[in-house]
Amino acid sequence: MLISKHSQLLRFIVSGGAATAVHYLVMGMLIFFGISAVVATGTGALVGAVLNYVLQYYFTFRSIRRHIHSLISYTAASGLAWLSNLLLFMLFYDYIGINIVFAQLLATALVTIQNYLIYNKLVFHS
């Protein structure tokens, strides 16, 4: 059981890392083209969430739940994650004044912990 949980956590990190890379890529491109950082991170997170669902469903949790059930839970969890990321980024970047890269990295780290707990218990469980 412990090895299985460690393996699942590693797959979660790989899947989430790929989705996060897409998030950051979209965010960076939008900022490069003059879009505000807050709008850019919100858009990037949304694009990353689509990839993340597929990877988490098939690769990380190897879910056997019907997509309709997983998608409903995932949409709610992703909405919470999107809002958490946006609010944390705004807090770190706009209010505390942390530079854009570190603000996003810190927001991502905190949302990652939140996501693993929610996905494991509510979204992809069998």
N, C-alpha and C. Protein backbone atom coordinates (compact mmCIF):
# COMPACT_ATOMS: atom_id res chain seq x y z
N MET A 1 0.82 -1.19 0.00
CA MET A 1 0.00 0.00 0.00
C MET A 1 0.86 1.25 0.00
N LEU A 2 1.91 1.29 0.84
CA LEU A 2 2.78 2.45 0.93
C LEU A 2 3.51 2.69 -0.38
N ILE A 3 4.00 1.62 -1.01
CA ILE A 3 4.67 1.75 -2.29
C ILE A 3 3.69 2.26 -3.34
N SER A 4 2.48 1.75 -3.31
CA SER A 4 1.46 2.18 -4.26
C SER A 4 1.17 3.67 -4.11
N LYS A 5 1.07 4.15 -2.88
CA LYS A 5 0.80 5.58 -2.62
C LYS A 5 1.99 6.43 -3.07
N HIS A 6 3.22 5.94 -2.86
CA HIS A 6 4.39 6.69 -3.32
C HIS A 6 4.43 6.75 -4.84
N SER A 7 4.08 5.65 -5.48
CA SER A 7 4.03 5.60 -6.94
C SER A 7 2.96 6.55 -7.47
N GLN A 8 1.82 6.55 -6.81
CA GLN A 8 0.73 7.44 -7.21
C GLN A 8 1.13 8.90 -7.03
N LEU A 9 1.80 9.20 -5.95
CA LEU A 9 2.26 10.57 -5.70
C LEU A 9 3.27 10.99 -6.76
N LEU A 10 4.16 10.11 -7.14
CA LEU A 10 5.13 10.41 -8.20
C LEU A 10 4.42 10.67 -9.53
N ARG A 11 3.43 9.83 -9.86
CA ARG A 11 2.66 10.04 -11.09
C ARG A 11 1.88 11.35 -11.03
N PHE A 12 1.37 11.70 -9.85
CA PHE A 12 0.67 12.97 -9.66
C PHE A 12 1.61 14.14 -9.94
N ILE A 13 2.82 14.05 -9.44
CA ILE A 13 3.80 15.12 -9.65
C ILE A 13 4.17 15.23 -11.12
N VAL A 14 4.36 14.11 -11.80
CA VAL A 14 4.69 14.13 -13.23
C VAL A 14 3.54 14.72 -14.04
N SER A 15 2.32 14.24 -13.78
CA SER A 15 1.15 14.73 -14.51
C SER A 15 0.91 16.21 -14.24
N GLY A 16 0.94 16.55 -12.97
CA GLY A 16 0.74 17.94 -12.60
C GLY A 16 1.85 18.84 -13.12
N GLY A 17 3.06 18.30 -13.16
CA GLY A 17 4.19 19.06 -13.71
C GLY A 17 4.01 19.38 -15.18
N ALA A 18 3.51 18.40 -15.93
CA ALA A 18 3.25 18.63 -17.36
C ALA A 18 2.16 19.68 -17.54
N ALA A 19 1.09 19.57 -16.76
CA ALA A 19 0.01 20.55 -16.85
C ALA A 19 0.48 21.93 -16.40
N THR A 20 1.32 21.96 -15.39
CA THR A 20 1.86 23.24 -14.91
C THR A 20 2.77 23.86 -15.96
N ALA A 21 3.55 23.04 -16.65
CA ALA A 21 4.41 23.56 -17.72
C ALA A 21 3.57 24.23 -18.81
N VAL A 22 2.45 23.60 -19.15
CA VAL A 22 1.53 24.20 -20.14
C VAL A 22 0.95 25.50 -19.59
N HIS A 23 0.55 25.49 -18.33
CA HIS A 23 0.05 26.71 -17.67
C HIS A 23 1.09 27.83 -17.80
N TYR A 24 2.32 27.55 -17.41
CA TYR A 24 3.37 28.57 -17.44
C TYR A 24 3.69 29.02 -18.87
N LEU A 25 3.66 28.10 -19.81
CA LEU A 25 3.92 28.45 -21.21
C LEU A 25 2.86 29.43 -21.72
N VAL A 26 1.60 29.10 -21.49
CA VAL A 26 0.51 29.99 -21.92
C VAL A 26 0.62 31.32 -21.19
N MET A 27 0.87 31.28 -19.90
CA MET A 27 1.01 32.50 -19.11
C MET A 27 2.13 33.38 -19.67
N GLY A 28 3.28 32.77 -19.91
CA GLY A 28 4.42 33.52 -20.44
C GLY A 28 4.15 34.14 -21.80
N MET A 29 3.50 33.37 -22.66
CA MET A 29 3.18 33.89 -23.99
C MET A 29 2.22 35.07 -23.89
N LEU A 30 1.21 34.96 -23.05
CA LEU A 30 0.24 36.05 -22.90
C LEU A 30 0.90 37.31 -22.32
N ILE A 31 1.76 37.13 -21.33
CA ILE A 31 2.47 38.28 -20.76
C ILE A 31 3.37 38.91 -21.82
N PHE A 32 4.04 38.08 -22.61
CA PHE A 32 4.90 38.58 -23.69
C PHE A 32 4.10 39.46 -24.66
N PHE A 33 2.85 39.09 -24.91
CA PHE A 33 2.01 39.85 -25.83
C PHE A 33 1.23 40.98 -25.14
N GLY A 34 1.57 41.27 -23.88
CA GLY A 34 1.02 42.45 -23.23
C GLY A 34 -0.22 42.24 -22.38
N ILE A 35 -0.61 40.99 -22.18
CA ILE A 35 -1.78 40.70 -21.32
C ILE A 35 -1.32 40.82 -19.86
N SER A 36 -2.20 41.30 -18.98
CA SER A 36 -1.83 41.45 -17.57
C SER A 36 -1.47 40.09 -16.97
N ALA A 37 -0.60 40.12 -15.98
CA ALA A 37 -0.13 38.88 -15.35
C ALA A 37 -1.27 38.11 -14.70
N VAL A 38 -2.22 38.80 -14.09
CA VAL A 38 -3.33 38.11 -13.42
C VAL A 38 -4.23 37.41 -14.45
N VAL A 39 -4.55 38.08 -15.54
CA VAL A 39 -5.35 37.44 -16.61
C VAL A 39 -4.56 36.30 -17.24
N ALA A 40 -3.26 36.49 -17.42
CA ALA A 40 -2.41 35.47 -18.03
C ALA A 40 -2.35 34.21 -17.17
N THR A 41 -2.20 34.36 -15.87
CA THR A 41 -2.14 33.16 -15.02
C THR A 41 -3.49 32.46 -14.95
N GLY A 42 -4.57 33.23 -14.96
CA GLY A 42 -5.90 32.61 -14.97
C GLY A 42 -6.15 31.81 -16.22
N THR A 43 -5.76 32.37 -17.36
CA THR A 43 -5.93 31.68 -18.65
C THR A 43 -5.02 30.46 -18.73
N GLY A 44 -3.77 30.61 -18.31
CA GLY A 44 -2.83 29.49 -18.33
C GLY A 44 -3.30 28.34 -17.46
N ALA A 45 -3.84 28.67 -16.30
CA ALA A 45 -4.34 27.63 -15.39
C ALA A 45 -5.52 26.89 -16.00
N LEU A 46 -6.35 27.59 -16.72
CA LEU A 46 -7.50 26.96 -17.37
C LEU A 46 -7.06 25.98 -18.45
N VAL A 47 -6.10 26.38 -19.26
CA VAL A 47 -5.58 25.49 -20.31
C VAL A 47 -4.88 24.28 -19.68
N GLY A 48 -4.09 24.52 -18.65
CA GLY A 48 -3.40 23.43 -17.96
C GLY A 48 -4.38 22.45 -17.32
N ALA A 49 -5.52 22.94 -16.87
CA ALA A 49 -6.51 22.08 -16.22
C ALA A 49 -7.08 21.03 -17.17
N VAL A 50 -7.22 21.39 -18.42
CA VAL A 50 -7.74 20.43 -19.40
C VAL A 50 -6.76 19.26 -19.56
N LEU A 51 -5.49 19.58 -19.76
CA LEU A 51 -4.47 18.53 -19.87
C LEU A 51 -4.39 17.73 -18.57
N ASN A 52 -4.45 18.43 -17.45
CA ASN A 52 -4.33 17.79 -16.15
C ASN A 52 -5.42 16.73 -15.94
N TYR A 53 -6.65 17.01 -16.34
CA TYR A 53 -7.72 16.03 -16.16
C TYR A 53 -7.36 14.71 -16.85
N VAL A 54 -6.97 14.80 -18.08
CA VAL A 54 -6.66 13.58 -18.85
C VAL A 54 -5.52 12.80 -18.20
N LEU A 55 -4.47 13.49 -17.82
CA LEU A 55 -3.32 12.82 -17.21
C LEU A 55 -3.66 12.23 -15.84
N GLN A 56 -4.38 12.99 -15.03
CA GLN A 56 -4.72 12.49 -13.70
C GLN A 56 -5.68 11.30 -13.77
N TYR A 57 -6.64 11.37 -14.67
CA TYR A 57 -7.63 10.29 -14.80
C TYR A 57 -6.96 8.99 -15.24
N TYR A 58 -6.20 9.06 -16.33
CA TYR A 58 -5.65 7.83 -16.93
C TYR A 58 -4.33 7.39 -16.33
N PHE A 59 -3.45 8.34 -16.04
CA PHE A 59 -2.09 7.98 -15.64
C PHE A 59 -1.91 7.94 -14.13
N THR A 60 -2.31 8.99 -13.44
CA THR A 60 -2.03 9.07 -12.01
C THR A 60 -2.90 8.14 -11.19
N PHE A 61 -4.20 8.31 -11.29
CA PHE A 61 -5.13 7.58 -10.43
C PHE A 61 -5.70 6.34 -11.10
N ARG A 62 -5.47 6.21 -12.41
CA ARG A 62 -5.96 5.05 -13.16
C ARG A 62 -7.41 4.76 -12.79
N SER A 63 -8.19 5.81 -12.90
CA SER A 63 -9.56 5.78 -12.43
C SER A 63 -10.44 4.87 -13.29
N ILE A 64 -11.40 4.24 -12.63
CA ILE A 64 -12.39 3.44 -13.34
C ILE A 64 -13.78 4.09 -13.22
N ARG A 65 -13.82 5.26 -12.58
CA ARG A 65 -15.09 5.99 -12.48
C ARG A 65 -15.50 6.44 -13.87
N ARG A 66 -16.78 6.54 -14.06
CA ARG A 66 -17.28 7.08 -15.33
C ARG A 66 -16.87 8.53 -15.43
N HIS A 67 -16.56 8.94 -16.67
CA HIS A 67 -16.10 10.31 -16.87
C HIS A 67 -17.11 11.34 -16.38
N ILE A 68 -18.37 11.08 -16.53
CA ILE A 68 -19.37 12.06 -16.11
C ILE A 68 -19.23 12.37 -14.63
N HIS A 69 -18.98 11.35 -13.81
CA HIS A 69 -18.82 11.55 -12.37
C HIS A 69 -17.49 12.24 -12.06
N SER A 70 -16.43 11.77 -12.70
CA SER A 70 -15.12 12.38 -12.48
C SER A 70 -15.09 13.82 -12.97
N LEU A 71 -15.69 14.07 -14.12
CA LEU A 71 -15.67 15.43 -14.67
C LEU A 71 -16.43 16.42 -13.80
N ILE A 72 -17.53 15.99 -13.23
CA ILE A 72 -18.28 16.88 -12.35
C ILE A 72 -17.43 17.24 -11.13
N SER A 73 -16.85 16.23 -10.50
CA SER A 73 -15.98 16.47 -9.34
C SER A 73 -14.74 17.27 -9.73
N TYR A 74 -14.15 16.90 -10.87
CA TYR A 74 -12.94 17.59 -11.32
C TYR A 74 -13.22 19.05 -11.64
N THR A 75 -14.35 19.32 -12.25
CA THR A 75 -14.69 20.70 -12.58
C THR A 75 -14.81 21.53 -11.30
N ALA A 76 -15.46 20.98 -10.30
CA ALA A 76 -15.57 21.69 -9.02
C ALA A 76 -14.19 21.87 -8.38
N ALA A 77 -13.39 20.81 -8.37
CA ALA A 77 -12.05 20.90 -7.79
C ALA A 77 -11.17 21.86 -8.58
N SER A 78 -11.28 21.84 -9.90
CA SER A 78 -10.49 22.73 -10.74
C SER A 78 -10.92 24.18 -10.57
N GLY A 79 -12.21 24.39 -10.39
CA GLY A 79 -12.69 25.74 -10.11
C GLY A 79 -12.10 26.27 -8.82
N LEU A 80 -12.07 25.43 -7.80
CA LEU A 80 -11.46 25.82 -6.54
C LEU A 80 -9.96 26.06 -6.71
N ALA A 81 -9.29 25.17 -7.45
CA ALA A 81 -7.85 25.33 -7.69
C ALA A 81 -7.56 26.59 -8.50
N TRP A 82 -8.39 26.85 -9.51
CA TRP A 82 -8.21 28.04 -10.34
C TRP A 82 -8.35 29.30 -9.48
N LEU A 83 -9.39 29.33 -8.66
CA LEU A 83 -9.63 30.48 -7.80
C LEU A 83 -8.52 30.62 -6.76
N SER A 84 -8.11 29.51 -6.18
CA SER A 84 -7.02 29.53 -5.19
C SER A 84 -5.74 30.06 -5.82
N ASN A 85 -5.41 29.56 -7.02
CA ASN A 85 -4.21 30.02 -7.71
C ASN A 85 -4.29 31.51 -7.99
N LEU A 86 -5.42 31.95 -8.49
CA LEU A 86 -5.58 33.36 -8.83
C LEU A 86 -5.46 34.25 -7.59
N LEU A 87 -6.15 33.88 -6.53
CA LEU A 87 -6.10 34.68 -5.31
C LEU A 87 -4.71 34.68 -4.66
N LEU A 88 -4.09 33.51 -4.62
CA LEU A 88 -2.74 33.43 -4.06
C LEU A 88 -1.75 34.23 -4.91
N PHE A 89 -1.86 34.12 -6.24
CA PHE A 89 -0.97 34.88 -7.11
C PHE A 89 -1.17 36.37 -6.90
N MET A 90 -2.43 36.81 -6.84
CA MET A 90 -2.70 38.23 -6.61
C MET A 90 -2.14 38.68 -5.26
N LEU A 91 -2.31 37.85 -4.24
CA LEU A 91 -1.78 38.18 -2.92
C LEU A 91 -0.26 38.35 -2.98
N PHE A 92 0.41 37.35 -3.55
CA PHE A 92 1.87 37.38 -3.58
C PHE A 92 2.42 38.45 -4.51
N TYR A 93 1.82 38.60 -5.67
CA TYR A 93 2.33 39.51 -6.70
C TYR A 93 1.84 40.95 -6.51
N ASP A 94 0.54 41.13 -6.42
CA ASP A 94 -0.02 42.49 -6.35
C ASP A 94 0.10 43.12 -4.97
N TYR A 95 -0.09 42.34 -3.92
CA TYR A 95 -0.15 42.92 -2.58
C TYR A 95 1.16 42.83 -1.80
N ILE A 96 1.82 41.69 -1.88
CA ILE A 96 3.08 41.54 -1.15
C ILE A 96 4.26 42.06 -1.98
N GLY A 97 4.13 41.96 -3.31
CA GLY A 97 5.18 42.47 -4.18
C GLY A 97 6.27 41.49 -4.55
N ILE A 98 5.98 40.21 -4.37
CA ILE A 98 6.94 39.17 -4.79
C ILE A 98 7.01 39.19 -6.31
N ASN A 99 8.19 38.97 -6.88
CA ASN A 99 8.29 39.01 -8.34
C ASN A 99 7.42 37.92 -8.98
N ILE A 100 7.11 38.11 -10.23
CA ILE A 100 6.11 37.30 -10.94
C ILE A 100 6.42 35.81 -10.91
N VAL A 101 7.69 35.45 -11.10
CA VAL A 101 8.06 34.04 -11.15
C VAL A 101 7.88 33.38 -9.79
N PHE A 102 8.41 34.01 -8.76
CA PHE A 102 8.29 33.42 -7.42
C PHE A 102 6.86 33.44 -6.90
N ALA A 103 6.11 34.47 -7.26
CA ALA A 103 4.70 34.53 -6.86
C ALA A 103 3.94 33.34 -7.44
N GLN A 104 4.19 33.04 -8.73
CA GLN A 104 3.50 31.92 -9.36
C GLN A 104 3.98 30.59 -8.82
N LEU A 105 5.27 30.45 -8.59
CA LEU A 105 5.80 29.20 -8.04
C LEU A 105 5.22 28.92 -6.65
N LEU A 106 5.13 29.94 -5.82
CA LEU A 106 4.57 29.76 -4.48
C LEU A 106 3.09 29.41 -4.55
N ALA A 107 2.35 30.10 -5.40
CA ALA A 107 0.93 29.79 -5.57
C ALA A 107 0.75 28.36 -6.07
N THR A 108 1.57 27.95 -7.02
CA THR A 108 1.50 26.60 -7.57
C THR A 108 1.78 25.55 -6.50
N ALA A 109 2.78 25.77 -5.67
CA ALA A 109 3.12 24.81 -4.62
C ALA A 109 1.94 24.61 -3.66
N LEU A 110 1.33 25.69 -3.27
CA LEU A 110 0.20 25.58 -2.33
C LEU A 110 -1.02 24.93 -2.97
N VAL A 111 -1.30 25.26 -4.21
CA VAL A 111 -2.44 24.67 -4.90
C VAL A 111 -2.19 23.19 -5.19
N THR A 112 -0.95 22.81 -5.42
CA THR A 112 -0.62 21.41 -5.67
C THR A 112 -0.99 20.53 -4.48
N ILE A 113 -0.68 20.98 -3.31
CA ILE A 113 -1.03 20.22 -2.10
C ILE A 113 -2.55 20.10 -1.99
N GLN A 114 -3.23 21.19 -2.18
CA GLN A 114 -4.70 21.19 -2.15
C GLN A 114 -5.26 20.20 -3.17
N ASN A 115 -4.74 20.24 -4.39
CA ASN A 115 -5.24 19.37 -5.46
C ASN A 115 -5.05 17.90 -5.16
N TYR A 116 -3.88 17.52 -4.68
CA TYR A 116 -3.63 16.10 -4.41
C TYR A 116 -4.64 15.57 -3.41
N LEU A 117 -4.87 16.31 -2.36
CA LEU A 117 -5.81 15.87 -1.33
C LEU A 117 -7.23 15.74 -1.89
N ILE A 118 -7.64 16.71 -2.66
CA ILE A 118 -9.00 16.68 -3.22
C ILE A 118 -9.14 15.60 -4.29
N TYR A 119 -8.17 15.49 -5.19
CA TYR A 119 -8.25 14.48 -6.25
C TYR A 119 -8.27 13.08 -5.67
N ASN A 120 -7.43 12.84 -4.71
CA ASN A 120 -7.30 11.51 -4.12
C ASN A 120 -8.56 11.10 -3.37
N LYS A 121 -9.17 12.02 -2.66
CA LYS A 121 -10.33 11.69 -1.82
C LYS A 121 -11.68 11.84 -2.53
N LEU A 122 -11.77 12.78 -3.47
CA LEU A 122 -13.09 13.12 -4.01
C LEU A 122 -13.26 12.91 -5.52
N VAL A 123 -12.20 13.11 -6.28
CA VAL A 123 -12.39 13.16 -7.73
C VAL A 123 -12.15 11.82 -8.41
N PHE A 124 -11.01 11.20 -8.18
CA PHE A 124 -10.64 10.01 -8.94
C PHE A 124 -10.67 8.72 -8.13
N HIS A 125 -11.19 8.76 -6.92
CA HIS A 125 -11.26 7.55 -6.11
C HIS A 125 -12.23 6.55 -6.74
N SER A 126 -12.01 5.31 -6.46
CA SER A 126 -12.87 4.26 -7.02
C SER A 126 -13.90 3.81 -6.01
